[in-house]
Protein backbone atom coordinates (compact mmCIF):
# COMPACT_ATOMS: atom_id res chain seq x y z
CA UNK A 1 125.02 124.93 113.59
CA UNK A 2 122.26 122.45 114.42
CA UNK A 3 122.57 118.96 112.98
CA UNK A 4 119.63 116.72 112.12
CA UNK A 5 118.88 113.36 110.53
CA UNK A 6 116.09 112.00 108.36
CA UNK A 7 114.93 108.39 108.65
CA UNK A 8 113.39 107.37 105.33
CA UNK A 9 113.85 108.78 101.84
CA UNK A 10 110.48 108.15 100.22
CA UNK A 11 108.10 110.87 99.09
CA UNK A 12 107.97 112.74 102.39
CA UNK A 13 111.57 112.05 103.40
CA UNK A 14 112.99 113.45 100.17
CA UNK A 15 110.60 116.37 100.62
CA UNK A 16 112.00 117.08 104.09
CA UNK A 17 115.51 117.30 102.68
CA UNK A 18 114.26 119.49 99.83
CA UNK A 19 112.52 121.92 102.20
CA UNK A 20 115.69 122.29 104.28
CA UNK A 21 117.68 123.02 101.10
CA UNK A 22 115.07 125.22 99.40
CA UNK A 23 114.37 127.38 102.45
CA UNK A 24 117.79 127.27 104.13
CA UNK A 25 118.08 131.05 104.32
CA UNK A 26 114.64 131.47 105.90
CA UNK A 27 115.24 128.62 108.36
CA UNK A 28 118.60 130.11 109.41
CA UNK A 29 116.98 133.50 109.87
CA UNK A 30 114.24 132.07 112.09
CA UNK A 31 116.53 129.89 114.21
CA UNK A 32 119.53 132.19 114.29
CA UNK A 33 121.80 129.30 113.27
CA UNK A 34 122.04 127.17 110.10
CA UNK A 35 120.78 123.59 109.99
CA UNK A 36 122.69 120.71 108.44
CA UNK A 37 121.03 117.41 107.57
CA UNK A 38 123.96 115.20 108.49
CA UNK A 39 122.44 111.78 107.77
CA UNK A 40 119.65 110.24 105.71
CA UNK A 41 118.78 106.67 106.67
CA UNK A 42 117.62 104.35 103.88
CA UNK A 43 118.55 100.84 102.74
CA UNK A 44 118.32 101.75 99.06
CA UNK A 45 121.17 103.15 96.97
CA UNK A 46 120.92 106.92 96.48
CA UNK A 47 124.62 107.47 95.83
CA UNK A 48 123.86 109.24 92.53
CA UNK A 49 122.10 112.10 94.32
CA UNK A 50 124.02 115.33 94.96
CA UNK A 51 123.79 114.55 98.67
CA UNK A 52 124.42 110.82 98.23
CA UNK A 53 127.32 110.95 100.70
CA UNK A 54 124.86 111.65 103.54
CA UNK A 55 123.11 108.28 103.26
CA UNK A 56 123.62 105.59 105.89
CA UNK A 57 122.08 102.15 106.21
CA UNK A 58 122.93 101.57 109.87
CA UNK A 59 120.52 103.28 112.30
CA UNK A 60 123.05 103.13 115.14
CA UNK A 61 125.14 105.77 113.33
CA UNK A 62 122.33 108.26 113.99
CA UNK A 63 121.53 106.88 117.42
CA UNK A 64 125.09 107.19 118.70
CA UNK A 65 126.04 110.54 117.18
CA UNK A 66 125.85 113.19 119.94
CA UNK A 67 125.73 115.97 117.34
CA UNK A 68 122.26 114.87 116.17
CA UNK A 69 119.60 116.55 118.30
CA UNK A 70 116.51 116.23 116.09
CA UNK A 71 115.41 113.37 113.84
CA UNK A 72 112.62 113.19 111.25
CA UNK A 73 110.89 109.79 111.16
CA UNK A 74 109.21 109.48 107.77
CA UNK A 75 109.57 105.73 107.27
CA UNK A 76 105.94 104.78 107.91
CA UNK A 77 104.56 101.68 109.59
CA UNK A 78 105.00 100.51 113.16
CA UNK A 79 107.93 98.12 112.86
CA UNK A 80 111.36 99.66 112.42
CA UNK A 81 109.82 103.14 112.70
CA UNK A 82 108.63 102.38 116.23
CA UNK A 83 111.90 100.80 117.32
CA UNK A 84 114.08 103.56 115.86
CA UNK A 85 111.84 106.33 117.23
CA UNK A 86 111.94 104.84 120.72
CA UNK A 87 115.72 104.51 120.63
CA UNK A 88 116.17 108.08 119.37
CA UNK A 89 114.05 109.43 122.21
CA UNK A 90 115.96 107.31 124.74
CA UNK A 91 119.20 108.70 123.31
CA UNK A 92 117.99 112.25 124.03
CA UNK A 93 117.01 113.16 120.48
CA UNK A 94 113.66 114.77 119.64
CA UNK A 95 111.68 113.03 116.90
CA UNK A 96 109.22 114.62 114.46
CA UNK A 97 107.01 112.45 112.28
CA UNK A 98 104.28 112.23 109.68
CA UNK A 99 103.57 108.60 110.64
CA UNK A 100 99.86 108.59 111.56
CA UNK A 101 99.75 104.84 112.15
CA UNK A 102 102.56 104.98 114.69
CA UNK A 103 101.15 108.04 116.48
CA UNK A 104 97.64 106.56 116.65
CA UNK A 105 98.77 103.18 117.97
CA UNK A 106 101.90 103.93 120.06
CA UNK A 107 101.81 107.70 120.52
CA UNK A 108 101.02 107.62 124.24
CA UNK A 109 104.00 105.36 124.95
CA UNK A 110 106.39 107.42 122.82
CA UNK A 111 105.25 110.67 124.44
CA UNK A 112 105.97 109.18 127.87
CA UNK A 113 109.45 108.14 126.74
CA UNK A 114 110.06 111.62 125.34
CA UNK A 115 108.98 113.16 128.65
CA UNK A 116 111.25 110.86 130.64
CA UNK A 117 114.26 111.91 128.56
CA UNK A 118 113.47 115.62 128.32
CA UNK A 119 112.89 115.69 124.55
CA UNK A 120 109.94 116.11 122.20
CA UNK A 121 107.88 113.76 120.08
CA UNK A 122 105.98 115.92 117.57
CA UNK A 123 103.59 114.93 114.82
CA UNK A 124 101.90 117.93 113.19
CA UNK A 125 102.14 116.26 109.77
CA UNK A 126 100.40 113.06 110.90
CA UNK A 127 96.83 114.36 110.63
CA UNK A 128 96.50 117.21 108.14
CA UNK A 129 99.69 116.91 106.11
CA UNK A 130 100.36 120.57 105.33
CA UNK A 131 97.28 121.77 107.21
CA UNK A 132 98.16 123.12 110.68
CA UNK A 133 95.85 121.40 113.18
CA UNK A 134 97.83 119.91 116.12
CA UNK A 135 99.51 123.15 117.19
CA UNK A 136 96.31 125.21 116.89
CA UNK A 137 94.51 122.68 119.11
CA UNK A 138 97.31 122.76 121.69
CA UNK A 139 97.87 126.51 121.65
CA UNK A 140 95.35 128.75 119.88
CA UNK A 141 92.34 126.72 121.03
CA UNK A 142 93.80 125.53 124.33
CA UNK A 143 91.23 127.45 126.40
CA UNK A 144 88.36 125.47 124.87
CA UNK A 145 86.63 122.26 125.73
CA UNK A 146 86.23 120.49 122.39
CA UNK A 147 82.63 119.49 121.73
CA UNK A 148 83.05 118.05 118.25
CA UNK A 149 85.66 117.37 115.59
CA UNK A 150 84.48 116.54 112.10
CA UNK A 151 86.49 116.43 108.94
CA UNK A 152 87.37 115.21 105.49
CA UNK A 153 90.62 113.55 106.51
CA UNK A 154 91.65 111.63 103.42
CA UNK A 155 92.44 113.24 100.08
CA UNK A 156 92.26 110.03 98.04
CA UNK A 157 88.68 109.23 98.98
CA UNK A 158 87.67 112.86 98.57
CA UNK A 159 89.13 112.86 95.05
CA UNK A 160 87.23 109.67 94.19
CA UNK A 161 83.94 111.06 95.51
CA UNK A 162 84.51 114.35 93.65
CA UNK A 163 84.92 112.43 90.38
CA UNK A 164 81.73 110.48 91.09
CA UNK A 165 79.76 113.63 92.00
CA UNK A 166 80.87 115.98 89.22
CA UNK A 167 81.87 113.67 86.37
CA UNK A 168 79.61 110.67 86.82
CA UNK A 169 82.59 108.34 87.10
CA UNK A 170 82.02 104.98 88.81
CA UNK A 171 83.88 104.21 92.01
CA UNK A 172 86.08 101.66 90.26
CA UNK A 173 87.08 104.05 87.45
CA UNK A 174 87.60 106.96 89.85
CA UNK A 175 89.94 104.77 91.91
CA UNK A 176 91.94 103.91 88.78
CA UNK A 177 92.22 107.64 88.00
CA UNK A 178 93.43 108.33 91.53
CA UNK A 179 96.11 105.65 91.15
CA UNK A 180 97.22 106.97 87.75
CA UNK A 181 97.49 110.50 89.23
CA UNK A 182 99.52 109.26 92.17
CA UNK A 183 96.80 110.04 94.73
CA UNK A 184 96.19 106.39 95.60
CA UNK A 185 98.64 103.59 96.33
CA UNK A 186 98.77 100.37 94.33
CA UNK A 187 97.05 98.84 97.38
CA UNK A 188 94.50 101.54 98.28
CA UNK A 189 92.89 99.65 101.16
CA UNK A 190 93.96 102.04 103.92
CA UNK A 191 92.32 104.93 102.06
CA UNK A 192 89.14 103.48 100.57
CA UNK A 193 88.24 101.39 103.63
CA UNK A 194 88.66 104.41 105.91
CA UNK A 195 91.64 103.18 107.97
CA UNK A 196 93.76 106.25 107.21
CA UNK A 197 90.96 108.60 108.29
CA UNK A 198 90.37 106.44 111.36
CA UNK A 199 93.95 106.85 112.57
CA UNK A 200 93.65 110.61 112.12
CA UNK A 201 90.38 110.99 114.01
CA UNK A 202 91.88 108.88 116.79
CA UNK A 203 94.87 111.23 117.10
CA UNK A 204 92.57 114.26 117.16
CA UNK A 205 90.37 112.58 119.78
CA UNK A 206 93.43 111.69 121.88
CA UNK A 207 94.42 115.35 121.91
CA UNK A 208 90.91 116.71 122.42
CA UNK A 209 89.81 114.41 125.24
CA UNK A 210 93.09 113.39 126.88
CA UNK A 211 92.97 109.60 126.60
CA UNK A 212 93.84 107.04 123.95
CA UNK A 213 91.25 106.18 121.30
CA UNK A 214 92.36 102.85 119.83
CA UNK A 215 91.92 102.68 116.02
CA UNK A 216 91.06 98.98 116.35
CA UNK A 217 88.10 99.86 118.59
CA UNK A 218 86.75 102.76 116.51
CA UNK A 219 83.96 102.02 114.01
CA UNK A 220 85.33 102.45 110.51
CA UNK A 221 83.47 102.30 107.20
CA UNK A 222 84.91 103.27 103.83
CA UNK A 223 83.43 104.30 100.47
CA UNK A 224 83.56 101.04 98.47
CA UNK A 225 79.78 100.51 98.62
CA UNK A 226 78.81 103.97 97.33
CA UNK A 227 77.25 103.95 93.87
CA UNK A 228 76.40 106.60 91.31
CA UNK A 229 72.78 105.98 92.25
CA UNK A 230 73.54 107.10 95.80
CA UNK A 231 75.35 110.15 94.47
CA UNK A 232 72.33 111.11 92.34
CA UNK A 233 69.92 110.54 95.23
CA UNK A 234 72.03 112.69 97.52
CA UNK A 235 71.92 115.49 94.95
CA UNK A 236 68.10 115.31 94.86
CA UNK A 237 68.11 115.72 98.63
CA UNK A 238 70.33 118.80 98.36
CA UNK A 239 73.36 116.90 99.64
CA UNK A 240 76.74 115.51 98.63
CA UNK A 241 78.45 112.38 99.96
CA UNK A 242 81.68 112.79 101.91
CA UNK A 243 83.75 110.37 103.97
CA UNK A 244 83.97 111.96 107.42
CA UNK A 245 85.96 111.24 110.54
CA UNK A 246 83.92 112.45 113.47
CA UNK A 247 84.34 112.70 117.23
CA UNK A 248 81.54 114.01 119.47
CA UNK A 249 81.87 114.74 123.19
CA UNK A 250 79.04 113.65 125.49
CA UNK A 251 77.92 115.26 128.74
CA UNK A 252 79.48 112.50 130.85
CA UNK A 253 82.92 113.08 129.30
CA UNK A 254 82.85 110.07 126.98
CA UNK A 255 82.91 110.58 123.23
CA UNK A 256 81.68 108.95 120.06
CA UNK A 257 84.40 108.48 117.45
CA UNK A 258 83.94 106.87 114.05
CA UNK A 259 84.58 107.09 110.31
CA UNK A 260 81.76 106.70 107.78
CA UNK A 261 80.35 108.19 104.58
CA UNK A 262 77.71 110.86 105.23
CA UNK A 263 75.23 112.84 103.23
CA UNK A 264 75.94 116.47 104.10
CA UNK A 265 73.92 119.48 102.97
CA UNK A 266 75.41 121.55 100.16
CA UNK A 267 75.30 124.62 102.42
CA UNK A 268 77.89 123.03 104.75
CA UNK A 269 81.43 124.37 104.32
CA UNK A 270 82.62 120.75 104.10
CA UNK A 271 80.47 120.17 101.00
CA UNK A 272 82.65 122.54 98.96
CA UNK A 273 85.89 120.70 99.82
CA UNK A 274 86.81 118.81 96.66
CA UNK A 275 89.51 116.76 94.95
CA UNK A 276 92.51 115.93 97.18
CA UNK A 277 91.83 118.74 99.64
CA UNK A 278 91.04 118.07 103.28
CA UNK A 279 89.15 120.12 105.87
CA UNK A 280 88.74 119.77 109.61
CA UNK A 281 86.04 121.54 111.62
CA UNK A 282 86.56 121.91 115.36
CA UNK A 283 83.77 123.07 117.61
CA UNK A 284 85.08 124.64 120.81
CA UNK A 285 82.77 125.65 123.62
CA UNK A 286 84.22 129.17 123.52
CA UNK A 287 85.11 129.66 119.84
CA UNK A 288 82.27 127.80 118.17
CA UNK A 289 83.16 126.23 114.82
CA UNK A 290 86.64 126.78 113.38
CA UNK A 291 87.66 125.22 110.06
CA UNK A 292 91.12 124.28 108.79
CA UNK A 293 91.45 123.67 105.04
CA UNK A 294 94.21 122.74 102.64
CA UNK A 295 96.21 119.94 101.08
CA UNK A 296 96.11 117.01 103.47
CA UNK A 297 98.98 115.22 101.76
CA UNK A 298 101.65 115.72 99.13
CA UNK A 299 105.41 115.72 99.21
CA UNK A 300 106.26 119.31 100.08
CA UNK A 301 103.05 120.12 101.97
CA UNK A 302 103.62 117.26 104.41
CA UNK A 303 107.37 117.85 104.53
CA UNK A 304 106.84 121.49 105.47
CA UNK A 305 104.92 120.41 108.58
CA UNK A 306 107.67 117.94 109.56
CA UNK A 307 110.35 120.60 109.11
CA UNK A 308 108.33 123.14 111.11
CA UNK A 309 108.16 120.66 114.01
CA UNK A 310 111.91 120.09 113.74
CA UNK A 311 112.52 123.84 113.83
CA UNK A 312 110.32 124.09 116.92
CA UNK A 313 112.44 121.42 118.63
CA UNK A 314 115.65 123.19 117.61
CA UNK A 315 114.48 126.59 118.78
CA UNK A 316 113.14 125.34 122.12
CA UNK A 317 115.69 122.68 123.02
CA UNK A 318 115.30 123.40 126.74
CA UNK A 319 111.51 123.49 126.70
CA UNK A 320 109.35 120.40 126.19
CA UNK A 321 105.97 120.77 124.54
CA UNK A 322 103.30 119.57 126.95
CA UNK A 323 101.70 116.97 124.71
CA UNK A 324 100.35 113.94 126.53
CA UNK A 325 97.32 111.69 126.68
CA UNK A 326 96.33 108.64 128.70
CA UNK A 327 96.75 104.96 127.94
CA UNK A 328 93.06 104.30 127.26
CA UNK A 329 92.23 103.14 130.79
CA UNK A 330 89.57 105.86 131.16
CA UNK A 331 87.58 104.07 128.42
CA UNK A 332 86.27 107.30 126.90
CA UNK A 333 85.18 105.72 123.60
CA UNK A 334 81.42 105.43 123.71
CA UNK A 335 79.66 102.70 121.66
CA UNK A 336 77.85 104.08 118.62
CA UNK A 337 74.61 102.30 119.60
CA UNK A 338 73.09 105.45 121.13
CA UNK A 339 74.39 108.01 118.60
CA UNK A 340 71.38 109.74 117.05
CA UNK A 341 71.43 110.51 113.33
CA UNK A 342 69.06 111.16 110.47
CA UNK A 343 69.52 108.48 107.81
CA UNK A 344 69.42 108.12 104.05
CA UNK A 345 68.05 104.72 103.05
CA UNK A 346 67.80 103.21 99.57
CA UNK A 347 65.39 100.28 99.68
CA UNK A 348 64.29 97.81 96.99
CA UNK A 349 60.83 96.72 97.97
CA UNK A 350 57.42 98.01 98.92
CA UNK A 351 57.11 101.67 99.91
CA UNK A 352 54.37 100.60 102.31
CA UNK A 353 56.77 98.17 104.04
CA UNK A 354 59.40 100.87 104.36
CA UNK A 355 57.01 103.45 105.79
CA UNK A 356 55.74 100.89 108.30
CA UNK A 357 59.25 100.37 109.67
CA UNK A 358 61.07 103.72 109.39
CA UNK A 359 60.22 107.17 110.83
CA UNK A 360 59.98 108.78 107.39
CA UNK A 361 60.73 112.46 106.99
CA UNK A 362 60.65 112.42 103.19
CA UNK A 363 60.24 109.73 100.54
CA UNK A 364 60.70 109.57 96.76
CA UNK A 365 58.39 107.99 94.24
CA UNK A 366 59.49 104.38 93.58
CA UNK A 367 61.62 103.87 90.46
CA UNK A 368 61.96 100.24 89.33
CA UNK A 369 60.86 99.16 92.77
CA UNK A 370 63.47 101.27 94.59
CA UNK A 371 62.42 103.81 97.21
CA UNK A 372 64.65 106.48 98.76
CA UNK A 373 63.86 107.75 102.23
CA UNK A 374 65.23 110.39 104.56
CA UNK A 375 64.43 109.49 108.16
CA UNK A 376 64.09 111.54 111.30
CA UNK A 377 66.78 110.92 113.93
CA UNK A 378 67.33 107.36 115.05
CA UNK A 379 69.89 105.78 117.36
CA UNK A 380 72.40 103.54 115.57
CA UNK A 381 71.18 100.38 117.35
CA UNK A 382 67.57 101.15 116.44
CA UNK A 383 68.54 101.75 112.81
CA UNK A 384 70.36 98.41 112.66
CA UNK A 385 67.24 96.63 113.94
CA UNK A 386 65.09 98.37 111.36
CA UNK A 387 67.49 97.39 108.57
CA UNK A 388 67.07 93.77 109.65
CA UNK A 389 63.27 94.19 109.55
CA UNK A 390 63.42 95.73 106.10
CA UNK A 391 65.72 93.04 104.75
CA UNK A 392 63.14 90.46 105.81
CA UNK A 393 60.68 91.96 103.30
CA UNK A 394 62.98 93.43 100.67
CA UNK A 395 66.58 94.66 100.42
CA UNK A 396 68.28 97.68 101.96
CA UNK A 397 70.65 98.69 99.18
CA UNK A 398 72.29 101.53 101.12
CA UNK A 399 72.01 103.26 104.49
CA UNK A 400 74.11 106.31 105.37
CA UNK A 401 74.07 108.90 108.09
CA UNK A 402 73.00 112.43 107.27
CA UNK A 403 74.70 115.39 108.88
């Protein structure tokens, strides 16, 4: 019998226990031995649960038990989760996590500690929830150089945008709906400001390019400024608005990485990804575009990915997964200044002024003094200068990249 522990009994943690119970027969069949969750770490009182006797409040119980070989870290954050993960790895226990913040900010360090102690630090659930993406990148697509990664990486923002696009709901009301449905937290900042998606694109970039992409250094813009007017204008241009995390490899080995709302053409596979679903497109130099689609969050979907990582660690106890990236010293993150994009611009002012400043590809008839323009490709720095010029003679109400 293999014995495991779970650190945290929130949504995902309780889901991890449930998956082990629900699929015990299948898991035993795959591993050849049964698995027992011996401990669940949480400070709250869960004594009324059928497995209430498994709860402990002292982490050292898990740390010092030689029977525990694999631990699920589903606590979240970078405080106790970081400290406990580090100590588990140092104690010779593999750790599997859904904690995207911890992986994005301290993953390189924790992977080095895991390597030094001959164990694994695995995090399939940290990017796509129930969508397999880490293992395919490391195994199925391992023969590729990755040219681009682009995806809808946050289900909450995608749900909000879907409500705005299809039901004409304002951003504020769509956010309230998301909170009522349990898709958004009481404090939704990490989702709507793009921080959650930023951590995920950083992890994917770390894996793709082999060095750390610091979330604090990556440009990150959320969806709070998007209006129903922008949604309607996008539709007229044959597009929908999606919040994308994107990473693009350059010829010199550096890469752009950023999060921002984009207008994408309705013909794009990403345009059809709606509600809380996520999708990630990876462009390999051998495979071309490959897309991964599914629920990017949710109790059992995320838990299934954590449990699968734990099973991998149990089945291959004598074989470390070769997952590593650098500490950021290669400075692969390229400033967005030179990234070329077509742009959507909503401008309140003279059409003549706008056409004198922007390389216009198409323009709408002014409505109440507002003009909508699609530009030809412009570098980010050039676009920022032109926005300043336009604001001197009117007001740029919105400017978004087009993909």
